[in-house]
């Protein structure tokens, strides 16, 4: 069985992979959102900071005027002609803010 530290390391790599190739993992902006939501929440639960995660997530949402909408949903609604790569890029940018504000480790790999 893996330790919590090993799971945090795994999440850091997976988050970096999704940040760098979002559509490969999520398929759509909404799919990317789902993975980033789950992985950041899982990390917050492991490190016993779920309440802070919730607060930061809502703060970033408020800054982006999301209301009760998701990041991907808000962008798609505000930009009906947006492509999935555009929606995904916006979604990743918002979840990067969440991760950065929480100090969540993320491993970004250099391009091949």
C-alpha atoms as a PDB file:
ATOM      1  CA  UNK A   1       0.000   0.000   0.000  1.00  0.00           C
ATOM      2  CA  UNK A   2       1.231   3.497  -0.799  1.00  0.00           C
ATOM      3  CA  UNK A   3       1.847   6.095   1.851  1.00  0.00           C
ATOM      4  CA  UNK A   4       0.215   9.503   1.816  1.00  0.00           C
ATOM      5  CA  UNK A   5       3.550  10.996   0.731  1.00  0.00           C
ATOM      6  CA  UNK A   6       3.726   8.605  -2.219  1.00  0.00           C
ATOM      7  CA  UNK A   7       0.182   9.532  -3.213  1.00  0.00           C
ATOM      8  CA  UNK A   8       1.035  13.240  -3.018  1.00  0.00           C
ATOM      9  CA  UNK A   9       4.018  12.620  -5.307  1.00  0.00           C
ATOM     10  CA  UNK A  10       1.771  10.709  -7.739  1.00  0.00           C
ATOM     11  CA  UNK A  11      -0.806  13.511  -7.715  1.00  0.00           C
ATOM     12  CA  UNK A  12       1.918  16.120  -8.381  1.00  0.00           C
ATOM     13  CA  UNK A  13       2.970  14.287 -11.535  1.00  0.00           C
ATOM     14  CA  UNK A  14      -0.593  13.635 -12.679  1.00  0.00           C
ATOM     15  CA  UNK A  15      -1.592  17.284 -12.140  1.00  0.00           C
ATOM     16  CA  UNK A  16       1.397  18.427 -14.188  1.00  0.00           C
ATOM     17  CA  UNK A  17       0.460  16.015 -16.963  1.00  0.00           C
ATOM     18  CA  UNK A  18      -3.087  17.358 -17.060  1.00  0.00           C
ATOM     19  CA  UNK A  19      -1.902  20.987 -16.929  1.00  0.00           C
ATOM     20  CA  UNK A  20       0.370  20.348 -19.901  1.00  0.00           C
ATOM     21  CA  UNK A  21      -1.911  18.093 -21.999  1.00  0.00           C
ATOM     22  CA  UNK A  22      -5.432  18.719 -20.725  1.00  0.00           C
ATOM     23  CA  UNK A  23      -7.465  17.360 -23.614  1.00  0.00           C
ATOM     24  CA  UNK A  24      -5.477  14.125 -23.642  1.00  0.00           C
ATOM     25  CA  UNK A  25      -6.792  13.484 -20.140  1.00  0.00           C
ATOM     26  CA  UNK A  26     -10.190  15.164 -20.114  1.00  0.00           C
ATOM     27  CA  UNK A  27     -11.339  15.077 -23.726  1.00  0.00           C
ATOM     28  CA  UNK A  28     -13.340  18.305 -23.248  1.00  0.00           C
ATOM     29  CA  UNK A  29     -13.076  21.395 -21.083  1.00  0.00           C
ATOM     30  CA  UNK A  30     -15.675  19.929 -18.743  1.00  0.00           C
ATOM     31  CA  UNK A  31     -13.773  16.641 -18.592  1.00  0.00           C
ATOM     32  CA  UNK A  32     -10.570  18.467 -17.724  1.00  0.00           C
ATOM     33  CA  UNK A  33     -12.466  20.299 -14.998  1.00  0.00           C
ATOM     34  CA  UNK A  34     -13.674  17.019 -13.521  1.00  0.00           C
ATOM     35  CA  UNK A  35     -10.160  15.581 -13.237  1.00  0.00           C
ATOM     36  CA  UNK A  36      -8.662  18.752 -11.756  1.00  0.00           C
ATOM     37  CA  UNK A  37     -11.502  19.103  -9.267  1.00  0.00           C
ATOM     38  CA  UNK A  38     -11.116  15.516  -8.076  1.00  0.00           C
ATOM     39  CA  UNK A  39      -7.319  15.513  -7.915  1.00  0.00           C
ATOM     40  CA  UNK A  40      -7.056  18.826  -6.060  1.00  0.00           C
ATOM     41  CA  UNK A  41      -9.782  17.760  -3.625  1.00  0.00           C
ATOM     42  CA  UNK A  42      -8.073  14.397  -3.086  1.00  0.00           C
ATOM     43  CA  UNK A  43      -4.764  16.156  -2.346  1.00  0.00           C
ATOM     44  CA  UNK A  44      -6.523  18.521   0.075  1.00  0.00           C
ATOM     45  CA  UNK A  45      -8.085  15.558   1.870  1.00  0.00           C
ATOM     46  CA  UNK A  46      -4.721  13.783   2.191  1.00  0.00           C
ATOM     47  CA  UNK A  47      -3.073  16.865   3.718  1.00  0.00           C
ATOM     48  CA  UNK A  48      -6.130  17.670   5.875  1.00  0.00           C
ATOM     49  CA  UNK A  49      -6.847  20.999   4.150  1.00  0.00           C
ATOM     50  CA  UNK A  50     -10.180  20.319   2.502  1.00  0.00           C
ATOM     51  CA  UNK A  51     -11.878  23.359   4.087  1.00  0.00           C
ATOM     52  CA  UNK A  52      -9.099  25.608   2.799  1.00  0.00           C
ATOM     53  CA  UNK A  53      -9.380  23.964  -0.646  1.00  0.00           C
ATOM     54  CA  UNK A  54     -13.095  24.737  -0.676  1.00  0.00           C
ATOM     55  CA  UNK A  55     -12.467  28.359   0.313  1.00  0.00           C
ATOM     56  CA  UNK A  56      -9.763  28.904  -2.301  1.00  0.00           C
ATOM     57  CA  UNK A  57     -11.815  27.198  -5.015  1.00  0.00           C
ATOM     58  CA  UNK A  58     -14.755  29.493  -4.289  1.00  0.00           C
ATOM     59  CA  UNK A  59     -12.479  32.561  -4.129  1.00  0.00           C
ATOM     60  CA  UNK A  60     -11.061  31.887  -7.584  1.00  0.00           C
ATOM     61  CA  UNK A  61     -14.580  31.215  -8.855  1.00  0.00           C
ATOM     62  CA  UNK A  62     -15.775  34.530  -7.423  1.00  0.00           C
ATOM     63  CA  UNK A  63     -12.851  36.385  -9.005  1.00  0.00           C
ATOM     64  CA  UNK A  64     -13.861  34.892 -12.354  1.00  0.00           C
ATOM     65  CA  UNK A  65     -17.546  35.671 -11.804  1.00  0.00           C
ATOM     66  CA  UNK A  66     -18.535  31.999 -11.993  1.00  0.00           C
ATOM     67  CA  UNK A  67     -21.406  32.116  -9.540  1.00  0.00           C
ATOM     68  CA  UNK A  68     -22.371  28.481  -9.044  1.00  0.00           C
ATOM     69  CA  UNK A  69     -21.005  27.530 -12.471  1.00  0.00           C
ATOM     70  CA  UNK A  70     -17.762  25.609 -13.018  1.00  0.00           C
ATOM     71  CA  UNK A  71     -14.761  27.279 -14.635  1.00  0.00           C
ATOM     72  CA  UNK A  72     -15.299  25.416 -17.900  1.00  0.00           C
ATOM     73  CA  UNK A  73     -19.044  26.057 -17.816  1.00  0.00           C
ATOM     74  CA  UNK A  74     -18.587  29.747 -17.147  1.00  0.00           C
ATOM     75  CA  UNK A  75     -16.117  30.141 -20.009  1.00  0.00           C
ATOM     76  CA  UNK A  76     -18.252  28.176 -22.454  1.00  0.00           C
ATOM     77  CA  UNK A  77     -21.310  30.205 -21.483  1.00  0.00           C
ATOM     78  CA  UNK A  78     -19.483  33.542 -21.836  1.00  0.00           C
ATOM     79  CA  UNK A  79     -17.797  32.476 -25.100  1.00  0.00           C
ATOM     80  CA  UNK A  80     -20.293  30.296 -27.006  1.00  0.00           C
ATOM     81  CA  UNK A  81     -17.993  30.024 -30.031  1.00  0.00           C
ATOM     82  CA  UNK A  82     -14.993  28.878 -27.963  1.00  0.00           C
ATOM     83  CA  UNK A  83     -13.249  25.683 -28.962  1.00  0.00           C
ATOM     84  CA  UNK A  84     -12.529  22.861 -26.525  1.00  0.00           C
ATOM     85  CA  UNK A  85      -8.812  23.764 -26.486  1.00  0.00           C
ATOM     86  CA  UNK A  86      -9.740  27.346 -25.483  1.00  0.00           C
ATOM     87  CA  UNK A  87     -12.142  26.171 -22.792  1.00  0.00           C
ATOM     88  CA  UNK A  88      -9.566  23.715 -21.506  1.00  0.00           C
ATOM     89  CA  UNK A  89      -6.821  26.357 -21.414  1.00  0.00           C
ATOM     90  CA  UNK A  90      -9.021  28.680 -19.363  1.00  0.00           C
ATOM     91  CA  UNK A  91     -10.035  25.834 -17.052  1.00  0.00           C
ATOM     92  CA  UNK A  92      -6.417  24.808 -16.478  1.00  0.00           C
ATOM     93  CA  UNK A  93      -5.446  28.428 -15.756  1.00  0.00           C
ATOM     94  CA  UNK A  94      -8.087  28.666 -13.029  1.00  0.00           C
ATOM     95  CA  UNK A  95      -7.170  25.346 -11.415  1.00  0.00           C
ATOM     96  CA  UNK A  96      -3.500  26.358 -11.524  1.00  0.00           C
ATOM     97  CA  UNK A  97      -4.475  29.377  -9.421  1.00  0.00           C
ATOM     98  CA  UNK A  98      -6.186  27.077  -6.940  1.00  0.00           C
ATOM     99  CA  UNK A  99      -3.193  24.730  -6.772  1.00  0.00           C
ATOM    100  CA  UNK A 100      -0.702  27.607  -6.511  1.00  0.00           C
ATOM    101  CA  UNK A 101      -2.595  29.361  -3.732  1.00  0.00           C
ATOM    102  CA  UNK A 102      -2.767  26.137  -1.759  1.00  0.00           C
ATOM    103  CA  UNK A 103       0.897  25.370  -2.375  1.00  0.00           C
ATOM    104  CA  UNK A 104      -0.035  22.071  -3.985  1.00  0.00           C
ATOM    105  CA  UNK A 105       3.013  20.458  -5.551  1.00  0.00           C
ATOM    106  CA  UNK A 106       2.778  20.063  -9.318  1.00  0.00           C
ATOM    107  CA  UNK A 107       5.490  18.502 -11.475  1.00  0.00           C
ATOM    108  CA  UNK A 108       5.749  20.097 -14.913  1.00  0.00           C
ATOM    109  CA  UNK A 109       7.893  18.221 -17.401  1.00  0.00           C
ATOM    110  CA  UNK A 110      10.024  19.837 -20.063  1.00  0.00           C
ATOM    111  CA  UNK A 111       8.769  19.447 -23.609  1.00  0.00           C
ATOM    112  CA  UNK A 112      10.377  16.640 -25.577  1.00  0.00           C
END
